[in-house]
Amino acid sequence: MTTELLDAALVEEATKKSGLIWVRGADGPERALWHVWHEGAALVVGDGPGEQPLPGLVDGGAATVTVRSKDKGGRIVGWRAKVLELAPGGEAWEAAVAELKGKRLNAPDAETMTLRWGRECRVVRLEPVRGADVVPASDGSLAAAPVPSSAVTRNAVPAGLPRLIGRRRKR
């Protein structure tokens, strides 16, 4: 019983303090998701225009969550979760959206964001499964190839730029 309580405390504290969690749904790829810890579970919003994708997270399904350190990026803990999709307008949905709204950065429609989430997005609750094994940090890197994306990297730095920056510092 003590080990189970310590595992639950580790999952909660690590997830609360982490900026992102890595989530793998039943049949989707592992994705980094911003989240909020609220009432014993991680809450995420997505699958709408301008929001993060939530592939493989289906209501009543299972997911695996990996929590990494904000400082060093190393894995702290991994845990199994039950996926619950919250119905828009319900009491649980309203409480979840109130927490998520405060953490959503750079929203183009901050005033009407919650209405858009209710119409076009999904709010998902990831509840830790009690009694499931908590996966502690290990020596393995768990590195994976990036998921294909339309995002592109900027062009290379112009050849003369380092000299220009170096001159400014000398002055």
N, C-alpha and C. Protein backbone atom coordinates (compact mmCIF):
# COMPACT_ATOMS: atom_id res chain seq x y z
N MET A 1 0.84 -1.20 0.00
CA MET A 1 0.00 0.00 0.00
C MET A 1 0.88 1.26 0.00
N THR A 2 1.95 1.26 0.77
CA THR A 2 2.83 2.42 0.85
C THR A 2 3.48 2.69 -0.50
N THR A 3 3.91 1.65 -1.20
CA THR A 3 4.53 1.80 -2.51
C THR A 3 3.54 2.42 -3.49
N GLU A 4 2.29 1.99 -3.43
CA GLU A 4 1.26 2.54 -4.32
C GLU A 4 1.03 4.03 -4.05
N LEU A 5 1.03 4.42 -2.78
CA LEU A 5 0.86 5.84 -2.44
C LEU A 5 2.07 6.66 -2.88
N LEU A 6 3.27 6.12 -2.71
CA LEU A 6 4.47 6.82 -3.17
C LEU A 6 4.49 6.97 -4.68
N ASP A 7 4.07 5.92 -5.39
CA ASP A 7 4.00 5.98 -6.85
C ASP A 7 3.00 7.04 -7.29
N ALA A 8 1.83 7.10 -6.64
CA ALA A 8 0.81 8.09 -6.99
C ALA A 8 1.33 9.50 -6.73
N ALA A 9 2.06 9.70 -5.63
CA ALA A 9 2.62 11.02 -5.32
C ALA A 9 3.68 11.41 -6.34
N LEU A 10 4.52 10.45 -6.76
CA LEU A 10 5.54 10.72 -7.77
C LEU A 10 4.90 11.11 -9.10
N VAL A 11 3.89 10.38 -9.52
CA VAL A 11 3.19 10.68 -10.77
C VAL A 11 2.58 12.09 -10.70
N GLU A 12 1.90 12.41 -9.61
CA GLU A 12 1.26 13.72 -9.49
C GLU A 12 2.27 14.86 -9.48
N GLU A 13 3.29 14.77 -8.66
CA GLU A 13 4.26 15.86 -8.55
C GLU A 13 5.05 16.05 -9.84
N ALA A 14 5.50 14.96 -10.43
CA ALA A 14 6.28 15.06 -11.67
C ALA A 14 5.43 15.65 -12.79
N THR A 15 4.19 15.22 -12.90
CA THR A 15 3.31 15.70 -13.97
C THR A 15 2.93 17.16 -13.75
N LYS A 16 2.67 17.55 -12.51
CA LYS A 16 2.35 18.95 -12.21
C LYS A 16 3.46 19.89 -12.64
N LYS A 17 4.71 19.48 -12.37
CA LYS A 17 5.85 20.37 -12.60
C LYS A 17 6.37 20.34 -14.02
N SER A 18 5.96 19.36 -14.79
CA SER A 18 6.46 19.24 -16.16
C SER A 18 5.66 20.15 -17.09
N GLY A 19 6.34 20.80 -18.01
CA GLY A 19 5.66 21.66 -18.98
C GLY A 19 4.93 20.87 -20.05
N LEU A 20 5.50 19.73 -20.43
CA LEU A 20 4.93 18.86 -21.44
C LEU A 20 4.91 17.43 -20.92
N ILE A 21 3.97 16.67 -21.42
CA ILE A 21 3.97 15.23 -21.19
C ILE A 21 3.97 14.56 -22.55
N TRP A 22 4.58 13.39 -22.62
CA TRP A 22 4.59 12.62 -23.85
C TRP A 22 3.53 11.54 -23.71
N VAL A 23 2.58 11.53 -24.66
CA VAL A 23 1.43 10.63 -24.55
C VAL A 23 1.34 9.75 -25.79
N ARG A 24 1.16 8.46 -25.56
CA ARG A 24 0.92 7.51 -26.66
C ARG A 24 -0.43 6.87 -26.41
N GLY A 25 -1.35 7.08 -27.35
CA GLY A 25 -2.67 6.47 -27.28
C GLY A 25 -2.61 5.03 -27.73
N ALA A 26 -3.78 4.43 -27.88
CA ALA A 26 -3.88 3.02 -28.24
C ALA A 26 -3.19 2.70 -29.57
N ASP A 27 -3.41 3.51 -30.58
CA ASP A 27 -2.82 3.19 -31.89
C ASP A 27 -2.15 4.40 -32.54
N GLY A 28 -1.95 5.46 -31.79
CA GLY A 28 -1.35 6.66 -32.36
C GLY A 28 0.12 6.78 -32.00
N PRO A 29 0.80 7.76 -32.60
CA PRO A 29 2.21 7.99 -32.26
C PRO A 29 2.33 8.69 -30.91
N GLU A 30 3.52 8.65 -30.35
CA GLU A 30 3.76 9.37 -29.10
C GLU A 30 3.90 10.85 -29.43
N ARG A 31 3.19 11.70 -28.69
CA ARG A 31 3.19 13.14 -28.94
C ARG A 31 3.47 13.90 -27.66
N ALA A 32 4.15 15.02 -27.81
CA ALA A 32 4.33 15.94 -26.68
C ALA A 32 3.10 16.82 -26.59
N LEU A 33 2.48 16.88 -25.42
CA LEU A 33 1.25 17.65 -25.23
C LEU A 33 1.39 18.57 -24.03
N TRP A 34 0.91 19.82 -24.19
CA TRP A 34 0.84 20.68 -23.02
C TRP A 34 -0.40 20.25 -22.25
N HIS A 35 -0.37 20.44 -20.97
CA HIS A 35 -1.42 19.90 -20.12
C HIS A 35 -1.56 20.73 -18.85
N VAL A 36 -2.56 20.36 -18.07
CA VAL A 36 -2.77 20.90 -16.73
C VAL A 36 -3.12 19.73 -15.83
N TRP A 37 -2.54 19.68 -14.64
CA TRP A 37 -2.91 18.66 -13.66
C TRP A 37 -4.04 19.24 -12.82
N HIS A 38 -5.17 18.51 -12.77
CA HIS A 38 -6.34 19.01 -12.03
C HIS A 38 -7.12 17.83 -11.47
N GLU A 39 -7.35 17.86 -10.17
CA GLU A 39 -8.16 16.86 -9.48
C GLU A 39 -7.74 15.43 -9.81
N GLY A 40 -6.42 15.17 -9.72
CA GLY A 40 -5.92 13.82 -9.85
C GLY A 40 -5.74 13.29 -11.26
N ALA A 41 -5.72 14.17 -12.26
CA ALA A 41 -5.54 13.72 -13.64
C ALA A 41 -4.93 14.82 -14.49
N ALA A 42 -4.34 14.41 -15.60
CA ALA A 42 -3.81 15.38 -16.56
C ALA A 42 -4.91 15.71 -17.56
N LEU A 43 -5.10 17.00 -17.81
CA LEU A 43 -6.11 17.45 -18.76
C LEU A 43 -5.42 18.00 -20.00
N VAL A 44 -5.90 17.62 -21.18
CA VAL A 44 -5.37 18.14 -22.44
C VAL A 44 -6.54 18.56 -23.33
N VAL A 45 -6.27 19.52 -24.19
CA VAL A 45 -7.28 19.96 -25.17
C VAL A 45 -6.64 19.92 -26.54
N GLY A 46 -7.43 19.54 -27.55
CA GLY A 46 -6.85 19.47 -28.89
C GLY A 46 -7.84 18.98 -29.92
N ASP A 47 -7.27 18.57 -31.07
CA ASP A 47 -8.01 18.08 -32.23
C ASP A 47 -8.93 19.12 -32.86
N GLY A 48 -8.59 20.36 -32.73
CA GLY A 48 -9.36 21.42 -33.37
C GLY A 48 -8.42 22.36 -34.09
N PRO A 49 -8.96 23.30 -34.83
CA PRO A 49 -8.11 24.25 -35.56
C PRO A 49 -7.21 25.04 -34.60
N GLY A 50 -5.92 25.04 -34.87
CA GLY A 50 -4.96 25.77 -34.05
C GLY A 50 -4.61 25.11 -32.73
N GLU A 51 -5.07 23.91 -32.50
CA GLU A 51 -4.79 23.21 -31.25
C GLU A 51 -3.96 21.95 -31.53
N GLN A 52 -3.40 21.38 -30.48
CA GLN A 52 -2.55 20.21 -30.62
C GLN A 52 -3.35 18.98 -31.04
N PRO A 53 -2.75 18.10 -31.85
CA PRO A 53 -3.44 16.86 -32.23
C PRO A 53 -3.43 15.86 -31.08
N LEU A 54 -4.48 15.07 -31.00
CA LEU A 54 -4.60 14.04 -29.96
C LEU A 54 -4.82 12.67 -30.61
N PRO A 55 -3.87 12.19 -31.41
CA PRO A 55 -4.08 10.92 -32.11
C PRO A 55 -4.06 9.73 -31.16
N GLY A 56 -4.99 8.83 -31.36
CA GLY A 56 -5.01 7.60 -30.57
C GLY A 56 -5.65 7.73 -29.20
N LEU A 57 -6.08 8.92 -28.82
CA LEU A 57 -6.72 9.09 -27.52
C LEU A 57 -8.24 8.99 -27.71
N VAL A 58 -8.78 7.82 -27.43
CA VAL A 58 -10.20 7.59 -27.61
C VAL A 58 -10.87 7.40 -26.25
N ASP A 59 -12.09 7.87 -26.13
CA ASP A 59 -12.84 7.78 -24.88
C ASP A 59 -12.94 6.33 -24.42
N GLY A 60 -12.56 6.10 -23.17
CA GLY A 60 -12.60 4.76 -22.59
C GLY A 60 -11.37 3.93 -22.90
N GLY A 61 -10.46 4.47 -23.70
CA GLY A 61 -9.25 3.75 -24.07
C GLY A 61 -8.15 3.90 -23.03
N ALA A 62 -6.97 3.47 -23.42
CA ALA A 62 -5.81 3.55 -22.54
C ALA A 62 -4.71 4.34 -23.22
N ALA A 63 -3.82 4.87 -22.42
CA ALA A 63 -2.68 5.63 -22.93
C ALA A 63 -1.50 5.42 -21.99
N THR A 64 -0.31 5.67 -22.53
CA THR A 64 0.90 5.64 -21.72
C THR A 64 1.46 7.05 -21.70
N VAL A 65 1.77 7.56 -20.52
CA VAL A 65 2.26 8.93 -20.34
C VAL A 65 3.69 8.87 -19.83
N THR A 66 4.57 9.65 -20.46
CA THR A 66 5.95 9.77 -20.01
C THR A 66 6.18 11.21 -19.60
N VAL A 67 6.73 11.39 -18.41
CA VAL A 67 6.98 12.73 -17.87
C VAL A 67 8.48 12.96 -17.86
N ARG A 68 8.88 14.08 -18.42
CA ARG A 68 10.30 14.43 -18.48
C ARG A 68 10.58 15.66 -17.63
N SER A 69 11.81 15.82 -17.26
CA SER A 69 12.24 16.96 -16.45
C SER A 69 12.24 18.23 -17.28
N LYS A 70 11.78 19.33 -16.69
CA LYS A 70 11.82 20.63 -17.37
C LYS A 70 13.26 21.08 -17.57
N ASP A 71 14.12 20.79 -16.61
CA ASP A 71 15.51 21.26 -16.63
C ASP A 71 16.38 20.51 -17.63
N LYS A 72 16.48 19.22 -17.47
CA LYS A 72 17.43 18.42 -18.24
C LYS A 72 16.80 17.64 -19.38
N GLY A 73 15.47 17.49 -19.36
CA GLY A 73 14.80 16.74 -20.41
C GLY A 73 14.81 15.24 -20.21
N GLY A 74 15.41 14.76 -19.13
CA GLY A 74 15.45 13.32 -18.87
C GLY A 74 14.12 12.81 -18.35
N ARG A 75 13.86 11.55 -18.60
CA ARG A 75 12.60 10.95 -18.17
C ARG A 75 12.59 10.79 -16.66
N ILE A 76 11.51 11.23 -16.03
CA ILE A 76 11.35 11.09 -14.58
C ILE A 76 10.52 9.85 -14.27
N VAL A 77 9.37 9.73 -14.94
CA VAL A 77 8.46 8.63 -14.65
C VAL A 77 7.54 8.41 -15.85
N GLY A 78 7.06 7.18 -15.97
CA GLY A 78 6.05 6.85 -16.96
C GLY A 78 4.87 6.21 -16.25
N TRP A 79 3.68 6.46 -16.74
CA TRP A 79 2.50 5.87 -16.10
C TRP A 79 1.41 5.56 -17.11
N ARG A 80 0.54 4.64 -16.73
CA ARG A 80 -0.57 4.25 -17.58
C ARG A 80 -1.80 5.05 -17.20
N ALA A 81 -2.57 5.41 -18.24
CA ALA A 81 -3.73 6.27 -17.99
C ALA A 81 -4.98 5.72 -18.65
N LYS A 82 -6.09 6.02 -18.03
CA LYS A 82 -7.41 5.76 -18.62
C LYS A 82 -7.83 7.07 -19.29
N VAL A 83 -8.30 7.00 -20.53
CA VAL A 83 -8.68 8.18 -21.30
C VAL A 83 -10.18 8.42 -21.17
N LEU A 84 -10.55 9.61 -20.73
CA LEU A 84 -11.95 10.00 -20.64
C LEU A 84 -12.15 11.32 -21.37
N GLU A 85 -13.03 11.31 -22.37
CA GLU A 85 -13.35 12.55 -23.08
C GLU A 85 -14.51 13.22 -22.36
N LEU A 86 -14.32 14.50 -22.02
CA LEU A 86 -15.34 15.23 -21.28
C LEU A 86 -16.34 15.85 -22.24
N ALA A 87 -17.62 15.71 -21.92
CA ALA A 87 -18.68 16.26 -22.77
C ALA A 87 -18.77 17.77 -22.59
N PRO A 88 -18.80 18.52 -23.69
CA PRO A 88 -18.89 19.99 -23.60
C PRO A 88 -20.12 20.44 -22.81
N GLY A 89 -19.91 21.42 -21.96
CA GLY A 89 -21.01 22.00 -21.20
C GLY A 89 -21.26 21.34 -19.86
N GLY A 90 -20.73 20.16 -19.64
CA GLY A 90 -20.94 19.48 -18.36
C GLY A 90 -20.13 20.13 -17.25
N GLU A 91 -20.43 19.76 -16.02
CA GLU A 91 -19.75 20.33 -14.87
C GLU A 91 -18.25 20.02 -14.88
N ALA A 92 -17.90 18.76 -15.19
CA ALA A 92 -16.49 18.37 -15.26
C ALA A 92 -15.78 19.11 -16.39
N TRP A 93 -16.46 19.28 -17.53
CA TRP A 93 -15.88 19.99 -18.69
C TRP A 93 -15.62 21.46 -18.32
N GLU A 94 -16.57 22.09 -17.67
CA GLU A 94 -16.42 23.51 -17.28
C GLU A 94 -15.24 23.69 -16.33
N ALA A 95 -15.09 22.80 -15.36
CA ALA A 95 -13.97 22.88 -14.42
C ALA A 95 -12.65 22.67 -15.14
N ALA A 96 -12.62 21.70 -16.07
CA ALA A 96 -11.40 21.42 -16.82
C ALA A 96 -11.02 22.60 -17.70
N VAL A 97 -11.98 23.17 -18.40
CA VAL A 97 -11.72 24.29 -19.30
C VAL A 97 -11.25 25.52 -18.53
N ALA A 98 -11.78 25.73 -17.34
CA ALA A 98 -11.35 26.86 -16.52
C ALA A 98 -9.87 26.73 -16.17
N GLU A 99 -9.41 25.52 -15.89
CA GLU A 99 -7.99 25.29 -15.60
C GLU A 99 -7.14 25.41 -16.86
N LEU A 100 -7.60 24.83 -17.95
CA LEU A 100 -6.83 24.84 -19.20
C LEU A 100 -6.69 26.24 -19.78
N LYS A 101 -7.72 27.04 -19.63
CA LYS A 101 -7.70 28.39 -20.21
C LYS A 101 -6.54 29.23 -19.68
N GLY A 102 -6.23 29.08 -18.42
CA GLY A 102 -5.14 29.84 -17.82
C GLY A 102 -3.77 29.43 -18.32
N LYS A 103 -3.63 28.23 -18.85
CA LYS A 103 -2.34 27.73 -19.32
C LYS A 103 -2.16 27.83 -20.83
N ARG A 104 -3.23 28.12 -21.57
CA ARG A 104 -3.13 28.17 -23.03
C ARG A 104 -2.42 29.46 -23.44
N LEU A 105 -1.27 29.31 -24.07
CA LEU A 105 -0.47 30.46 -24.49
C LEU A 105 -0.74 30.81 -25.94
N ASN A 106 -0.68 32.09 -26.24
CA ASN A 106 -0.75 32.60 -27.61
C ASN A 106 -2.01 32.21 -28.36
N ALA A 107 -3.12 32.15 -27.70
CA ALA A 107 -4.38 31.85 -28.38
C ALA A 107 -4.83 33.08 -29.15
N PRO A 108 -5.19 32.93 -30.41
CA PRO A 108 -5.61 34.09 -31.20
C PRO A 108 -6.96 34.66 -30.74
N ASP A 109 -7.74 33.84 -30.07
CA ASP A 109 -9.09 34.25 -29.65
C ASP A 109 -9.28 34.01 -28.16
N ALA A 110 -8.47 34.64 -27.35
CA ALA A 110 -8.47 34.37 -25.91
C ALA A 110 -9.84 34.57 -25.26
N GLU A 111 -10.60 35.55 -25.73
CA GLU A 111 -11.91 35.84 -25.11
C GLU A 111 -12.95 34.77 -25.43
N THR A 112 -12.89 34.21 -26.62
CA THR A 112 -13.90 33.24 -27.04
C THR A 112 -13.33 31.82 -27.18
N MET A 113 -12.16 31.61 -26.64
CA MET A 113 -11.47 30.33 -26.77
C MET A 113 -12.30 29.17 -26.22
N THR A 114 -12.91 29.33 -25.07
CA THR A 114 -13.65 28.22 -24.47
C THR A 114 -14.88 27.85 -25.30
N LEU A 115 -15.51 28.83 -25.93
CA LEU A 115 -16.64 28.54 -26.81
C LEU A 115 -16.17 27.72 -28.02
N ARG A 116 -15.02 28.10 -28.57
CA ARG A 116 -14.45 27.35 -29.71
C ARG A 116 -14.10 25.93 -29.28
N TRP A 117 -13.52 25.78 -28.10
CA TRP A 117 -13.19 24.44 -27.61
C TRP A 117 -14.45 23.58 -27.51
N GLY A 118 -15.54 24.16 -27.05
CA GLY A 118 -16.79 23.41 -26.93
C GLY A 118 -17.34 22.98 -28.28
N ARG A 119 -17.18 23.83 -29.31
CA ARG A 119 -17.69 23.52 -30.65
C ARG A 119 -16.78 22.61 -31.46
N GLU A 120 -15.46 22.87 -31.42
CA GLU A 120 -14.56 22.28 -32.40
C GLU A 120 -13.46 21.37 -31.83
N CYS A 121 -13.28 21.34 -30.53
CA CYS A 121 -12.15 20.61 -29.95
C CYS A 121 -12.62 19.51 -28.99
N ARG A 122 -11.66 18.76 -28.53
CA ARG A 122 -11.91 17.73 -27.52
C ARG A 122 -11.12 18.06 -26.26
N VAL A 123 -11.76 17.90 -25.12
CA VAL A 123 -11.07 18.02 -23.84
C VAL A 123 -11.00 16.61 -23.26
N VAL A 124 -9.77 16.17 -22.99
CA VAL A 124 -9.54 14.79 -22.57
C VAL A 124 -8.88 14.78 -21.20
N ARG A 125 -9.35 13.86 -20.38
CA ARG A 125 -8.82 13.66 -19.02
C ARG A 125 -8.04 12.35 -19.02
N LEU A 126 -6.77 12.42 -18.60
CA LEU A 126 -5.92 11.23 -18.51
C LEU A 126 -5.74 10.88 -17.04
N GLU A 127 -6.48 9.88 -16.59
CA GLU A 127 -6.47 9.48 -15.18
C GLU A 127 -5.46 8.35 -14.96
N PRO A 128 -4.54 8.51 -14.00
CA PRO A 128 -3.61 7.41 -13.70
C PRO A 128 -4.38 6.16 -13.26
N VAL A 129 -3.96 5.03 -13.76
CA VAL A 129 -4.60 3.76 -13.40
C VAL A 129 -3.99 3.28 -12.09
N ARG A 130 -4.79 3.15 -11.07
CA ARG A 130 -4.32 2.69 -9.76
C ARG A 130 -3.90 1.24 -9.85
N GLY A 131 -2.78 0.93 -9.23
CA GLY A 131 -2.29 -0.44 -9.22
C GLY A 131 -1.47 -0.81 -10.44
N ALA A 132 -1.49 0.04 -11.48
CA ALA A 132 -0.66 -0.25 -12.66
C ALA A 132 0.79 0.08 -12.32
N ASP A 133 1.70 -0.59 -12.95
CA ASP A 133 3.12 -0.35 -12.69
C ASP A 133 3.51 1.05 -13.13
N VAL A 134 4.21 1.74 -12.26
CA VAL A 134 4.82 3.02 -12.62
C VAL A 134 6.18 2.68 -13.17
N VAL A 135 6.50 3.26 -14.31
CA VAL A 135 7.78 2.96 -14.97
C VAL A 135 8.78 4.01 -14.54
N PRO A 136 9.76 3.66 -13.70
CA PRO A 136 10.74 4.65 -13.27
C PRO A 136 11.70 5.02 -14.39
N ALA A 137 12.45 6.07 -14.16
CA ALA A 137 13.45 6.49 -15.13
C ALA A 137 14.46 5.36 -15.33
N SER A 138 14.95 5.22 -16.56
CA SER A 138 15.92 4.17 -16.84
C SER A 138 17.06 4.75 -17.66
N ASP A 139 18.01 3.90 -18.00
CA ASP A 139 19.16 4.34 -18.77
C ASP A 139 18.86 4.49 -20.25
N GLY A 140 17.78 3.89 -20.75
CA GLY A 140 17.46 3.96 -22.16
C GLY A 140 17.04 5.36 -22.57
N SER A 141 17.33 5.74 -23.82
CA SER A 141 17.03 7.10 -24.26
C SER A 141 15.60 7.27 -24.74
N LEU A 142 14.98 6.21 -25.23
CA LEU A 142 13.64 6.25 -25.81
C LEU A 142 13.54 7.21 -26.99
N ALA A 143 14.67 7.51 -27.64
CA ALA A 143 14.67 8.42 -28.78
C ALA A 143 13.87 7.80 -29.92
N ALA A 144 13.14 8.65 -30.64
CA ALA A 144 12.34 8.19 -31.77
C ALA A 144 12.42 9.22 -32.89
N ALA A 145 12.14 8.78 -34.09
CA ALA A 145 12.14 9.70 -35.22
C ALA A 145 10.98 10.69 -35.06
N PRO A 146 11.17 11.96 -35.46
CA PRO A 146 10.09 12.94 -35.35
C PRO A 146 8.88 12.56 -36.19
N VAL A 147 7.70 12.94 -35.72
CA VAL A 147 6.47 12.70 -36.45
C VAL A 147 6.45 13.65 -37.65
N PRO A 148 6.06 13.19 -38.84
CA PRO A 148 6.01 14.08 -40.01
C PRO A 148 5.13 15.31 -39.74
N SER A 149 5.59 16.46 -40.23
CA SER A 149 4.89 17.70 -39.96
C SER A 149 5.09 18.67 -41.12
N SER A 150 4.19 19.63 -41.24
CA SER A 150 4.33 20.65 -42.28
C SER A 150 5.25 21.77 -41.82
N ALA A 151 5.67 21.75 -40.58
CA ALA A 151 6.57 22.79 -40.05
C ALA A 151 7.95 22.63 -40.70
N VAL A 152 8.57 23.75 -40.97
CA VAL A 152 9.90 23.72 -41.60
C VAL A 152 10.87 24.56 -40.79
N THR A 153 12.14 24.27 -40.96
CA THR A 153 13.20 25.02 -40.30
C THR A 153 13.58 26.20 -41.17
N ARG A 154 13.98 27.30 -40.54
CA ARG A 154 14.42 28.47 -41.29
C ARG A 154 15.64 28.13 -42.13
N ASN A 155 15.96 29.04 -43.04
CA ASN A 155 17.15 28.87 -43.87
C ASN A 155 18.40 28.94 -42.99
N ALA A 156 19.52 28.50 -43.57
CA ALA A 156 20.79 28.51 -42.84
C ALA A 156 21.20 29.95 -42.53
N VAL A 157 22.02 30.12 -41.51
CA VAL A 157 22.53 31.44 -41.11
C VAL A 157 23.46 31.96 -42.21
N PRO A 158 23.29 33.22 -42.64
CA PRO A 158 24.19 33.77 -43.67
C PRO A 158 25.64 33.72 -43.20
N ALA A 159 26.55 33.49 -44.15
CA ALA A 159 27.97 33.30 -43.82
C ALA A 159 28.58 34.50 -43.11
N GLY A 160 28.18 35.72 -43.44
CA GLY A 160 28.78 36.91 -42.83
C GLY A 160 28.23 37.28 -41.47
N LEU A 161 27.16 36.67 -41.04
CA LEU A 161 26.52 37.05 -39.78
C LEU A 161 27.42 36.88 -38.56
N PRO A 162 28.15 35.79 -38.41
CA PRO A 162 29.01 35.68 -37.22
C PRO A 162 30.04 36.82 -37.12
N ARG A 163 30.58 37.27 -38.24
CA ARG A 163 31.54 38.39 -38.21
C ARG A 163 30.86 39.67 -37.75
N LEU A 164 29.64 39.92 -38.23
CA LEU A 164 28.92 41.13 -37.83
C LEU A 164 28.63 41.12 -36.33
N ILE A 165 28.22 40.00 -35.82
CA ILE A 165 27.92 39.89 -34.39
C ILE A 165 29.20 40.06 -33.58
N GLY A 166 30.29 39.46 -34.04
CA GLY A 166 31.58 39.58 -33.36
C GLY A 166 32.07 41.02 -33.28
N ARG A 167 31.85 41.82 -34.33
CA ARG A 167 32.26 43.22 -34.32
C ARG A 167 31.51 44.02 -33.27
N ARG A 168 30.23 43.74 -33.11
CA ARG A 168 29.43 44.48 -32.11
C ARG A 168 29.94 44.25 -30.71
N ARG A 169 30.32 43.05 -30.42
CA ARG A 169 30.79 42.71 -29.07
C ARG A 169 32.11 43.38 -28.74
N LYS A 170 32.97 43.59 -29.73
CA LYS A 170 34.28 44.18 -29.50
C LYS A 170 34.17 45.66 -29.15
N ARG A 171 33.16 46.32 -29.62
CA ARG A 171 33.01 47.77 -29.39
C ARG A 171 32.78 48.11 -27.98
